[in-house]
PDB file of all heavy atoms in Angstrom:
ATOM      1  N   ARG A   1      23.536  58.130  54.589  1.00  0.00           N
ATOM      2  CA  ARG A   1      24.644  58.576  55.437  1.00  0.00           C
ATOM      3  C   ARG A   1      24.131  59.212  56.710  1.00  0.00           C
ATOM      4  O   ARG A   1      24.773  59.143  57.759  1.00  0.00           O
ATOM      5  CB  ARG A   1      25.528  59.561  54.665  1.00  0.00           C
ATOM      6  CG  ARG A   1      26.397  58.905  53.596  1.00  0.00           C
ATOM      7  CD  ARG A   1      27.434  59.892  53.070  1.00  0.00           C
ATOM      8  NE  ARG A   1      26.802  61.010  52.379  1.00  0.00           N
ATOM      9  CZ  ARG A   1      26.546  61.025  51.078  1.00  0.00           C
ATOM     10  NH1 ARG A   1      26.849  59.972  50.335  1.00  0.00           N
ATOM     11  NH2 ARG A   1      25.989  62.072  50.513  1.00  0.00           N
ATOM     12  N   ALA A   2      22.955  59.840  56.638  1.00  0.00           N
ATOM     13  CA  ALA A   2      22.391  60.489  57.825  1.00  0.00           C
ATOM     14  C   ALA A   2      21.754  59.485  58.776  1.00  0.00           C
ATOM     15  O   ALA A   2      21.327  59.858  59.868  1.00  0.00           O
ATOM     16  CB  ALA A   2      21.358  61.525  57.397  1.00  0.00           C
ATOM     17  N   GLY A   3      21.666  58.234  58.349  1.00  0.00           N
ATOM     18  CA  GLY A   3      21.115  57.213  59.224  1.00  0.00           C
ATOM     19  C   GLY A   3      19.611  57.151  59.261  1.00  0.00           C
ATOM     20  O   GLY A   3      19.033  56.455  60.091  1.00  0.00           O
ATOM     21  N   ARG A   4      18.939  57.878  58.369  1.00  0.00           N
ATOM     22  CA  ARG A   4      17.481  57.865  58.396  1.00  0.00           C
ATOM     23  C   ARG A   4      16.940  56.679  57.598  1.00  0.00           C
ATOM     24  O   ARG A   4      17.624  56.113  56.750  1.00  0.00           O
ATOM     25  CB  ARG A   4      16.914  59.170  57.856  1.00  0.00           C
ATOM     26  CG  ARG A   4      17.088  59.375  56.359  1.00  0.00           C
ATOM     27  CD  ARG A   4      16.413  60.672  55.909  1.00  0.00           C
ATOM     28  NE  ARG A   4      16.589  60.928  54.494  1.00  0.00           N
ATOM     29  CZ  ARG A   4      15.845  60.387  53.535  1.00  0.00           C
ATOM     30  NH1 ARG A   4      14.895  59.525  53.854  1.00  0.00           N
ATOM     31  NH2 ARG A   4      16.049  60.676  52.272  1.00  0.00           N
ATOM     32  N   LEU A   5      15.689  56.339  57.845  1.00  0.00           N
ATOM     33  CA  LEU A   5      15.048  55.257  57.119  1.00  0.00           C
ATOM     34  C   LEU A   5      14.642  55.717  55.724  1.00  0.00           C
ATOM     35  O   LEU A   5      14.231  56.855  55.531  1.00  0.00           O
ATOM     36  CB  LEU A   5      13.804  54.776  57.870  1.00  0.00           C
ATOM     37  CG  LEU A   5      14.042  54.136  59.235  1.00  0.00           C
ATOM     38  CD1 LEU A   5      12.705  53.816  59.895  1.00  0.00           C
ATOM     39  CD2 LEU A   5      14.881  52.876  59.103  1.00  0.00           C
ATOM     40  N   LEU A   6      14.758  54.802  54.769  1.00  0.00           N
ATOM     41  CA  LEU A   6      14.253  55.074  53.431  1.00  0.00           C
ATOM     42  C   LEU A   6      12.735  54.935  53.433  1.00  0.00           C
ATOM     43  O   LEU A   6      12.181  54.093  54.130  1.00  0.00           O
ATOM     44  CB  LEU A   6      14.858  54.096  52.429  1.00  0.00           C
ATOM     45  CG  LEU A   6      16.374  54.182  52.242  1.00  0.00           C
ATOM     46  CD1 LEU A   6      16.857  53.043  51.365  1.00  0.00           C
ATOM     47  CD2 LEU A   6      16.774  55.518  51.648  1.00  0.00           C
ATOM     48  N   THR A   7      12.065  55.770  52.658  1.00  0.00           N
ATOM     49  CA  THR A   7      10.606  55.755  52.617  1.00  0.00           C
ATOM     50  C   THR A   7      10.131  55.742  51.163  1.00  0.00           C
ATOM     51  O   THR A   7      10.932  55.767  50.227  1.00  0.00           O
ATOM     52  CB  THR A   7      10.013  57.000  53.311  1.00  0.00           C
ATOM     53  OG1 THR A   7      10.218  58.140  52.462  1.00  0.00           O
ATOM     54  CG2 THR A   7      10.662  57.234  54.668  1.00  0.00           C
ATOM     55  N   GLY A   8       8.813  55.765  50.993  1.00  0.00           N
ATOM     56  CA  GLY A   8       8.235  55.827  49.665  1.00  0.00           C
ATOM     57  C   GLY A   8       8.520  57.114  48.931  1.00  0.00           C
ATOM     58  O   GLY A   8       8.270  57.213  47.730  1.00  0.00           O
ATOM     59  N   ALA A   9       9.018  58.122  49.624  1.00  0.00           N
ATOM     60  CA  ALA A   9       9.414  59.358  48.952  1.00  0.00           C
ATOM     61  C   ALA A   9      10.782  59.222  48.290  1.00  0.00           C
ATOM     62  O   ALA A   9      11.148  60.028  47.443  1.00  0.00           O
ATOM     63  CB  ALA A   9       9.449  60.514  49.954  1.00  0.00           C
ATOM     64  N   ASP A  10      11.551  58.205  48.691  1.00  0.00           N
ATOM     65  CA  ASP A  10      12.881  57.994  48.142  1.00  0.00           C
ATOM     66  C   ASP A  10      12.886  57.003  46.986  1.00  0.00           C
ATOM     67  O   ASP A  10      13.637  57.147  46.029  1.00  0.00           O
ATOM     68  CB  ASP A  10      13.817  57.447  49.225  1.00  0.00           C
ATOM     69  CG  ASP A  10      13.957  58.385  50.406  1.00  0.00           C
ATOM     70  OD1 ASP A  10      14.594  59.438  50.223  1.00  0.00           O
ATOM     71  OD2 ASP A  10      13.437  58.068  51.494  1.00  0.00           O
ATOM     72  N   LEU A  11      12.065  55.972  47.111  1.00  0.00           N
ATOM     73  CA  LEU A  11      12.117  54.849  46.183  1.00  0.00           C
ATOM     74  C   LEU A  11      10.715  54.455  45.742  1.00  0.00           C
ATOM     75  O   LEU A  11       9.754  54.605  46.489  1.00  0.00           O
ATOM     76  CB  LEU A  11      12.776  53.628  46.841  1.00  0.00           C
ATOM     77  CG  LEU A  11      14.142  53.826  47.498  1.00  0.00           C
ATOM     78  CD1 LEU A  11      14.525  52.578  48.279  1.00  0.00           C
ATOM     79  CD2 LEU A  11      15.183  54.147  46.454  1.00  0.00           C
ATOM     80  N   ASP A  12      10.654  53.927  44.523  1.00  0.00           N
ATOM     81  CA  ASP A  12       9.408  53.336  44.037  1.00  0.00           C
ATOM     82  C   ASP A  12       9.751  51.914  43.576  1.00  0.00           C
ATOM     83  O   ASP A  12       9.970  51.673  42.391  1.00  0.00           O
ATOM     84  CB  ASP A  12       8.833  54.163  42.890  1.00  0.00           C
ATOM     85  CG  ASP A  12       7.487  53.625  42.404  1.00  0.00           C
ATOM     86  OD1 ASP A  12       6.952  52.710  43.060  1.00  0.00           O
ATOM     87  OD2 ASP A  12       7.001  54.102  41.377  1.00  0.00           O
ATOM     88  N   PRO A  13       9.828  50.977  44.519  1.00  0.00           N
ATOM     89  CA  PRO A  13      10.240  49.608  44.161  1.00  0.00           C
ATOM     90  C   PRO A  13       9.147  48.891  43.383  1.00  0.00           C
ATOM     91  O   PRO A  13       8.003  48.829  43.817  1.00  0.00           O
ATOM     92  CB  PRO A  13      10.494  48.946  45.517  1.00  0.00           C
ATOM     93  CG  PRO A  13       9.644  49.712  46.478  1.00  0.00           C
ATOM     94  CD  PRO A  13       9.588  51.116  45.958  1.00  0.00           C
ATOM     95  N   GLU A  14       9.506  48.350  42.220  1.00  0.00           N
ATOM     96  CA  GLU A  14       8.531  47.698  41.358  1.00  0.00           C
ATOM     97  C   GLU A  14       8.858  46.234  41.091  1.00  0.00           C
ATOM     98  O   GLU A  14       8.010  45.504  40.583  1.00  0.00           O
ATOM     99  CB  GLU A  14       8.441  48.444  40.018  1.00  0.00           C
ATOM    100  CG  GLU A  14       7.834  49.832  40.112  1.00  0.00           C
ATOM    101  CD  GLU A  14       6.332  49.801  40.346  1.00  0.00           C
ATOM    102  OE1 GLU A  14       5.720  48.727  40.197  1.00  0.00           O
ATOM    103  OE2 GLU A  14       5.768  50.861  40.686  1.00  0.00           O
ATOM    104  N   SER A  15      10.069  45.802  41.385  1.00  0.00           N
ATOM    105  CA  SER A  15      10.451  44.425  41.092  1.00  0.00           C
ATOM    106  C   SER A  15      11.586  44.030  42.031  1.00  0.00           C
ATOM    107  O   SER A  15      12.381  44.879  42.450  1.00  0.00           O
ATOM    108  CB  SER A  15      10.906  44.294  39.633  1.00  0.00           C
ATOM    109  OG  SER A  15      11.855  45.301  39.307  1.00  0.00           O
ATOM    110  N   PHE A  16      11.635  42.761  42.387  1.00  0.00           N
ATOM    111  CA  PHE A  16      12.728  42.325  43.252  1.00  0.00           C
ATOM    112  C   PHE A  16      13.011  40.844  43.032  1.00  0.00           C
ATOM    113  O   PHE A  16      12.139  40.078  42.616  1.00  0.00           O
ATOM    114  CB  PHE A  16      12.434  42.603  44.725  1.00  0.00           C
ATOM    115  CG  PHE A  16      11.366  41.736  45.330  1.00  0.00           C
ATOM    116  CD1 PHE A  16      11.691  40.583  46.039  1.00  0.00           C
ATOM    117  CD2 PHE A  16      10.026  42.066  45.201  1.00  0.00           C
ATOM    118  CE1 PHE A  16      10.710  39.786  46.593  1.00  0.00           C
ATOM    119  CE2 PHE A  16       9.030  41.273  45.756  1.00  0.00           C
ATOM    120  CZ  PHE A  16       9.377  40.131  46.458  1.00  0.00           C
ATOM    121  N   ARG A  17      14.257  40.458  43.327  1.00  0.00           N
ATOM    122  CA  ARG A  17      14.683  39.058  43.239  1.00  0.00           C
ATOM    123  C   ARG A  17      15.560  38.724  44.431  1.00  0.00           C
ATOM    124  O   ARG A  17      16.398  39.526  44.857  1.00  0.00           O
ATOM    125  CB  ARG A  17      15.456  38.789  41.944  1.00  0.00           C
ATOM    126  CG  ARG A  17      14.637  38.978  40.682  1.00  0.00           C
ATOM    127  CD  ARG A  17      13.517  37.967  40.548  1.00  0.00           C
ATOM    128  NE  ARG A  17      12.613  38.314  39.459  1.00  0.00           N
ATOM    129  CZ  ARG A  17      11.503  37.647  39.183  1.00  0.00           C
ATOM    130  NH1 ARG A  17      11.169  36.588  39.909  1.00  0.00           N
ATOM    131  NH2 ARG A  17      10.729  38.020  38.189  1.00  0.00           N
ATOM    132  N   ARG A  18      15.354  37.533  44.949  1.00  0.00           N
ATOM    133  CA  ARG A  18      16.149  37.041  46.078  1.00  0.00           C
ATOM    134  C   ARG A  18      17.297  36.197  45.560  1.00  0.00           C
ATOM    135  O   ARG A  18      17.092  35.260  44.794  1.00  0.00           O
ATOM    136  CB  ARG A  18      15.272  36.224  47.022  1.00  0.00           C
ATOM    137  CG  ARG A  18      15.968  35.733  48.279  1.00  0.00           C
ATOM    138  CD  ARG A  18      14.983  34.993  49.165  1.00  0.00           C
ATOM    139  NE  ARG A  18      15.560  34.575  50.424  1.00  0.00           N
ATOM    140  CZ  ARG A  18      16.171  33.411  50.621  1.00  0.00           C
ATOM    141  NH1 ARG A  18      16.256  32.545  49.628  1.00  0.00           N
ATOM    142  NH2 ARG A  18      16.675  33.100  51.796  1.00  0.00           N
ATOM    143  N   LEU A  19      18.521  36.521  45.992  1.00  0.00           N
ATOM    144  CA  LEU A  19      19.706  35.787  45.578  1.00  0.00           C
ATOM    145  C   LEU A  19      19.955  34.597  46.498  1.00  0.00           C
ATOM    146  O   LEU A  19      19.403  34.522  47.599  1.00  0.00           O
ATOM    147  CB  LEU A  19      20.928  36.704  45.567  1.00  0.00           C
ATOM    148  CG  LEU A  19      21.216  37.374  44.209  1.00  0.00           C
ATOM    149  CD1 LEU A  19      20.070  38.265  43.779  1.00  0.00           C
ATOM    150  CD2 LEU A  19      22.533  38.118  44.232  1.00  0.00           C
ATOM    151  N   PRO A  20      20.791  33.645  46.067  1.00  0.00           N
ATOM    152  CA  PRO A  20      21.072  32.470  46.905  1.00  0.00           C
ATOM    153  C   PRO A  20      21.611  32.804  48.288  1.00  0.00           C
ATOM    154  O   PRO A  20      21.424  32.035  49.236  1.00  0.00           O
ATOM    155  CB  PRO A  20      22.108  31.697  46.075  1.00  0.00           C
ATOM    156  CG  PRO A  20      21.793  32.062  44.658  1.00  0.00           C
ATOM    157  CD  PRO A  20      21.395  33.507  44.715  1.00  0.00           C
ATOM    158  N   ASP A  21      22.266  33.970  48.452  1.00  0.00           N
ATOM    159  CA  ASP A  21      22.804  34.334  49.771  1.00  0.00           C
ATOM    160  C   ASP A  21      21.751  34.948  50.684  1.00  0.00           C
ATOM    161  O   ASP A  21      22.053  35.330  51.813  1.00  0.00           O
ATOM    162  CB  ASP A  21      23.991  35.278  49.619  1.00  0.00           C
ATOM    163  CG  ASP A  21      23.617  36.636  49.011  1.00  0.00           C
ATOM    164  OD1 ASP A  21      22.418  36.887  48.760  1.00  0.00           O
ATOM    165  OD2 ASP A  21      24.542  37.451  48.783  1.00  0.00           O
ATOM    166  N   GLY A  22      20.508  35.039  50.206  1.00  0.00           N
ATOM    167  CA  GLY A  22      19.431  35.585  51.022  1.00  0.00           C
ATOM    168  C   GLY A  22      19.213  37.073  50.865  1.00  0.00           C
ATOM    169  O   GLY A  22      18.224  37.604  51.381  1.00  0.00           O
ATOM    170  N   SER A  23      20.100  37.763  50.171  1.00  0.00           N
ATOM    171  CA  SER A  23      19.917  39.194  49.951  1.00  0.00           C
ATOM    172  C   SER A  23      18.956  39.421  48.790  1.00  0.00           C
ATOM    173  O   SER A  23      18.630  38.505  48.029  1.00  0.00           O
ATOM    174  CB  SER A  23      21.260  39.877  49.678  1.00  0.00           C
ATOM    175  OG  SER A  23      21.817  39.425  48.453  1.00  0.00           O
ATOM    176  N   PHE A  24      18.515  40.672  48.654  1.00  0.00           N
ATOM    177  CA  PHE A  24      17.534  41.027  47.623  1.00  0.00           C
ATOM    178  C   PHE A  24      18.080  42.145  46.738  1.00  0.00           C
ATOM    179  O   PHE A  24      18.692  43.091  47.226  1.00  0.00           O
ATOM    180  CB  PHE A  24      16.230  41.519  48.262  1.00  0.00           C
ATOM    181  CG  PHE A  24      15.451  40.455  48.967  1.00  0.00           C
ATOM    182  CD1 PHE A  24      15.696  40.168  50.305  1.00  0.00           C
ATOM    183  CD2 PHE A  24      14.473  39.729  48.302  1.00  0.00           C
ATOM    184  CE1 PHE A  24      14.972  39.183  50.963  1.00  0.00           C
ATOM    185  CE2 PHE A  24      13.748  38.742  48.954  1.00  0.00           C
ATOM    186  CZ  PHE A  24      13.998  38.481  50.289  1.00  0.00           C
ATOM    187  N   TRP A  25      17.815  42.028  45.449  1.00  0.00           N
ATOM    188  CA  TRP A  25      18.020  43.132  44.519  1.00  0.00           C
ATOM    189  C   TRP A  25      16.657  43.663  44.114  1.00  0.00           C
ATOM    190  O   TRP A  25      15.740  42.894  43.799  1.00  0.00           O
ATOM    191  CB  TRP A  25      18.805  42.690  43.295  1.00  0.00           C
ATOM    192  CG  TRP A  25      20.272  42.567  43.576  1.00  0.00           C
ATOM    193  CD1 TRP A  25      20.940  41.467  44.025  1.00  0.00           C
ATOM    194  CD2 TRP A  25      21.250  43.598  43.445  1.00  0.00           C
ATOM    195  NE1 TRP A  25      22.271  41.739  44.187  1.00  0.00           N
ATOM    196  CE2 TRP A  25      22.497  43.042  43.829  1.00  0.00           C
ATOM    197  CE3 TRP A  25      21.203  44.929  43.030  1.00  0.00           C
ATOM    198  CZ2 TRP A  25      23.677  43.777  43.823  1.00  0.00           C
ATOM    199  CZ3 TRP A  25      22.380  45.669  43.012  1.00  0.00           C
ATOM    200  CH2 TRP A  25      23.604  45.098  43.399  1.00  0.00           C
ATOM    201  N   VAL A  26      16.518  44.983  44.133  1.00  0.00           N
ATOM    202  CA  VAL A  26      15.243  45.637  43.874  1.00  0.00           C
ATOM    203  C   VAL A  26      15.394  46.592  42.705  1.00  0.00           C
ATOM    204  O   VAL A  26      16.383  47.339  42.612  1.00  0.00           O
ATOM    205  CB  VAL A  26      14.759  46.400  45.127  1.00  0.00           C
ATOM    206  CG1 VAL A  26      13.513  47.231  44.817  1.00  0.00           C
ATOM    207  CG2 VAL A  26      14.487  45.429  46.269  1.00  0.00           C
ATOM    208  N   GLY A  27      14.414  46.574  41.808  1.00  0.00           N
ATOM    209  CA  GLY A  27      14.366  47.530  40.705  1.00  0.00           C
ATOM    210  C   GLY A  27      13.455  48.686  41.065  1.00  0.00           C
ATOM    211  O   GLY A  27      12.310  48.482  41.461  1.00  0.00           O
ATOM    212  N   ASP A  28      13.956  49.907  40.920  1.00  0.00           N
ATOM    213  CA  ASP A  28      13.243  51.121  41.337  1.00  0.00           C
ATOM    214  C   ASP A  28      12.893  51.968  40.115  1.00  0.00           C
ATOM    215  O   ASP A  28      13.570  51.910  39.086  1.00  0.00           O
ATOM    216  CB  ASP A  28      14.146  51.917  42.289  1.00  0.00           C
ATOM    217  CG  ASP A  28      13.839  53.400  42.296  1.00  0.00           C
ATOM    218  OD1 ASP A  28      12.909  53.807  43.002  1.00  0.00           O
ATOM    219  OD2 ASP A  28      14.525  54.141  41.559  1.00  0.00           O
ATOM    220  N   GLU A  29      11.846  52.794  40.250  1.00  0.00           N
ATOM    221  CA  GLU A  29      11.432  53.662  39.154  1.00  0.00           C
ATOM    222  C   GLU A  29      11.865  55.109  39.325  1.00  0.00           C
ATOM    223  O   GLU A  29      11.895  55.855  38.351  1.00  0.00           O
ATOM    224  CB  GLU A  29       9.903  53.609  38.998  1.00  0.00           C
ATOM    225  CG  GLU A  29       9.421  52.298  38.421  1.00  0.00           C
ATOM    226  CD  GLU A  29       8.032  52.394  37.828  1.00  0.00           C
ATOM    227  OE1 GLU A  29       7.165  53.064  38.421  1.00  0.00           O
ATOM    228  OE2 GLU A  29       7.825  51.799  36.764  1.00  0.00           O
ATOM    229  N   PHE A  30      12.192  55.557  40.533  1.00  0.00           N
ATOM    230  CA  PHE A  30      12.514  56.960  40.739  1.00  0.00           C
ATOM    231  C   PHE A  30      13.872  57.342  40.170  1.00  0.00           C
ATOM    232  O   PHE A  30      14.071  58.494  39.785  1.00  0.00           O
ATOM    233  CB  PHE A  30      12.469  57.308  42.224  1.00  0.00           C
ATOM    234  CG  PHE A  30      11.084  57.557  42.757  1.00  0.00           C
ATOM    235  CD1 PHE A  30      10.877  57.783  44.113  1.00  0.00           C
ATOM    236  CD2 PHE A  30       9.986  57.571  41.922  1.00  0.00           C
ATOM    237  CE1 PHE A  30       9.600  58.008  44.617  1.00  0.00           C
ATOM    238  CE2 PHE A  30       8.704  57.799  42.412  1.00  0.00           C
ATOM    239  CZ  PHE A  30       8.514  58.018  43.771  1.00  0.00           C
ATOM    240  N   GLY A  31      14.828  56.420  40.139  1.00  0.00           N
ATOM    241  CA  GLY A  31      16.149  56.728  39.597  1.00  0.00           C
ATOM    242  C   GLY A  31      16.170  56.782  38.069  1.00  0.00           C
ATOM    243  O   GLY A  31      16.399  57.832  37.495  1.00  0.00           O
TER     244      GLY A  31
END
């Protein structure tokens, strides 16, 4: 909401998949 960039302090992405529409779903470990 503050408009800042997400960084490695926010997320620990470990897995991802690309959908047919070109978007990506990412699995994170921090949540």
